[in-house]
Amino acid sequence: MKITRIASGSAASDETELKELFLSADGLRDGQVSLTDEAVVRFCKSTDPPGLCTSKFRADLIVDELVLLPSESLAACGEVQFRVEARRKHCYPGCSLHPAKCRLNGRVLYLKVLKEGLIHIGDEIVLMAQVLK
């Protein structure tokens, strides 16, 4: 998975995109960052009517095509090392977009920063180790 965008806003807005970002273990939302792909970002921008979270979801790292990494596995990107969290993005009850219609459902990973450092546009996210359960 290659980083195509680093966003400082929500997936549904055209806020500032960064060329690099320093991630720390205690930074963004307690050291967690969200990871999704270009298809989810396009979905959030074009969904009409929007779901309960399509206009609110914040994508920190956007890749060309998301590969669903196993929970608790270790990954690296640039200087940063992550643990894939068990937490996933799920739909809210009462949302007009049922899970079958929503691309956010199951297409967002949350990563916990274990080793801080810089990431850049074009860096690859690679699986380092998979934790056996």
Foldseek 3Di string as FASTA:
>chain_A
DFFAWFDPAALQDDDDTDFKDWFDLCPDPNQKAKEFEPVQSVCLNPDVPHWPPSNPHHHGTYDHHDDDDDAQFWKDWDQWIWGWHPDADAHDPPIPQPLVRHPRHRRMIMIRTDGIDMHGGGIDIGTDGDDDD
